[in-house]
Amino acid sequence: MPFIEVKTAKKLKSDVKLAIKEGIGASISLLPGKAEEKLMMSIQDAQPLYFRGEERDNCAFVEVRIKDKAALEDKANLTVAIYDVLEQKAGIAKDDVYLCFMEFDNWGSRGVLK
């Protein structure tokens, strides 16, 4: 039941959004028990983002929200994969991306709290 939100200052073409979705979707399985079939993702482009004291036109912030805790090594592997996708597919340098994980004990899905 992961949810990944990508916010980027850069305006992305539809094919780039699709490539990001596919790349991150394929990578989510780096977290044991997580699969693209259960992944929800939001890609918000052309967002005003201020980084290092100024408005930037080519940076991104990524939030990865998951139910339960994941091992640090697995989160590190997913982090590398997401950074690679953003750099290769959208041209956003790794130095211009922040990423965080949020892990929850409870999560609602299919009408019930789990």
Protein backbone atom coordinates (compact mmCIF):
# COMPACT_ATOMS: atom_id res chain seq x y z
CA MET A 1 0.00 0.00 0.00
CA PRO A 2 2.68 2.53 -0.79
CA PHE A 3 2.03 6.07 -1.94
CA ILE A 4 4.77 8.05 -3.66
CA GLU A 5 4.46 11.76 -4.33
CA VAL A 6 6.89 13.47 -6.69
CA LYS A 7 6.88 17.26 -6.80
CA THR A 8 9.10 18.95 -9.32
CA ALA A 9 9.63 22.54 -10.30
CA LYS A 10 10.29 21.41 -13.85
CA LYS A 11 7.42 21.20 -16.34
CA LEU A 12 7.34 17.60 -17.56
CA LYS A 13 6.03 16.27 -20.85
CA SER A 14 3.51 13.42 -20.67
CA ASP A 15 6.05 10.85 -21.87
CA VAL A 16 8.48 11.92 -19.15
CA LYS A 17 5.77 11.57 -16.47
CA LEU A 18 4.99 8.11 -17.82
CA ALA A 19 8.68 7.16 -17.75
CA ILE A 20 8.97 8.34 -14.14
CA LYS A 21 5.83 6.41 -13.20
CA GLU A 22 7.13 3.26 -14.87
CA GLY A 23 10.64 3.57 -13.43
CA ILE A 24 9.52 4.18 -9.87
CA GLY A 25 6.75 1.61 -10.23
CA ALA A 26 9.28 -1.04 -11.21
CA SER A 27 11.52 -0.03 -8.29
CA ILE A 28 8.94 -0.22 -5.48
CA SER A 29 9.51 -3.96 -5.20
CA LEU A 30 12.93 -3.14 -3.69
CA LEU A 31 10.89 -2.85 -0.50
CA PRO A 32 9.90 -6.41 0.46
CA GLY A 33 6.15 -6.93 0.33
CA LYS A 34 5.54 -3.85 -1.84
CA ALA A 35 4.42 -4.13 -5.46
CA GLU A 36 3.49 -1.80 -8.28
CA GLU A 37 0.02 -3.37 -8.34
CA LYS A 38 -0.65 -1.73 -4.97
CA LEU A 39 1.28 1.49 -5.56
CA MET A 40 -0.48 4.85 -5.80
CA MET A 41 1.60 7.71 -7.18
CA SER A 42 1.21 11.41 -7.77
CA ILE A 43 3.50 13.39 -10.04
CA GLN A 44 3.06 17.14 -9.68
CA ASP A 45 5.15 19.17 -12.08
CA ALA A 46 5.65 22.92 -12.53
CA GLN A 47 5.41 23.45 -8.76
CA PRO A 48 7.05 26.56 -7.31
CA LEU A 49 9.93 25.13 -5.27
CA TYR A 50 12.50 27.14 -3.34
CA PHE A 51 15.81 25.42 -2.71
CA ARG A 52 19.07 26.79 -1.35
CA GLY A 53 17.45 30.18 -0.82
CA GLU A 54 16.05 30.74 -4.29
CA GLU A 55 13.28 29.62 -6.58
CA ARG A 56 14.55 26.76 -8.72
CA ASP A 57 13.27 25.51 -12.04
CA ASN A 58 14.83 22.04 -11.95
CA CYS A 59 14.58 20.40 -8.53
CA ALA A 60 12.29 17.83 -6.91
CA PHE A 61 10.95 16.60 -3.59
CA VAL A 62 9.80 12.99 -3.18
CA GLU A 63 7.77 11.48 -0.34
CA VAL A 64 7.51 7.72 0.00
CA ARG A 65 4.72 6.67 2.35
CA ILE A 66 4.40 3.05 3.38
CA LYS A 67 2.55 0.90 5.86
CA ASP A 68 4.87 -0.62 8.44
CA LYS A 69 8.60 -0.20 8.78
CA ALA A 70 11.09 -1.14 6.09
CA ALA A 71 14.72 -2.05 6.61
CA LEU A 72 17.20 0.80 6.19
CA GLU A 73 19.08 -1.09 3.46
CA ASP A 74 15.88 -1.60 1.45
CA LYS A 75 14.97 2.09 1.78
CA ALA A 76 18.50 3.02 0.72
CA ASN A 77 18.19 0.83 -2.40
CA LEU A 78 14.84 2.39 -3.32
CA THR A 79 16.28 5.86 -2.75
CA VAL A 80 19.10 5.19 -5.22
CA ALA A 81 16.61 3.84 -7.76
CA ILE A 82 14.30 6.87 -7.48
CA TYR A 83 17.21 9.31 -7.78
CA ASP A 84 18.40 7.42 -10.88
CA VAL A 85 14.93 7.55 -12.46
CA LEU A 86 14.59 11.29 -11.89
CA GLU A 87 18.06 11.96 -13.28
CA GLN A 88 17.78 9.67 -16.30
CA LYS A 89 14.15 10.33 -17.26
CA ALA A 90 13.64 13.97 -16.21
CA GLY A 91 17.16 15.37 -16.19
CA ILE A 92 16.96 16.39 -12.53
CA ALA A 93 20.40 16.16 -10.92
CA LYS A 94 20.75 14.09 -7.76
CA ASP A 95 22.02 17.18 -5.93
CA ASP A 96 18.68 18.85 -6.66
CA VAL A 97 16.41 16.20 -5.10
CA TYR A 98 15.30 15.61 -1.53
CA LEU A 99 13.49 12.40 -0.56
CA CYS A 100 11.88 11.27 2.67
CA PHE A 101 10.15 8.17 3.95
CA MET A 102 7.06 8.15 6.13
CA GLU A 103 6.17 4.83 7.77
CA PHE A 104 2.77 4.21 9.30
CA ASP A 105 1.48 1.50 11.63
CA ASN A 106 -2.07 1.93 10.32
CA TRP A 107 -3.31 2.40 6.77
CA GLY A 108 -6.79 2.41 5.28
CA SER A 109 -7.42 0.30 2.17
CA ARG A 110 -10.50 -1.23 0.54
CA GLY A 111 -12.74 0.38 3.15
CA VAL A 112 -10.95 -0.92 6.24
CA LEU A 113 -8.16 0.20 8.51
CA LYS A 114 -5.24 -2.19 8.56
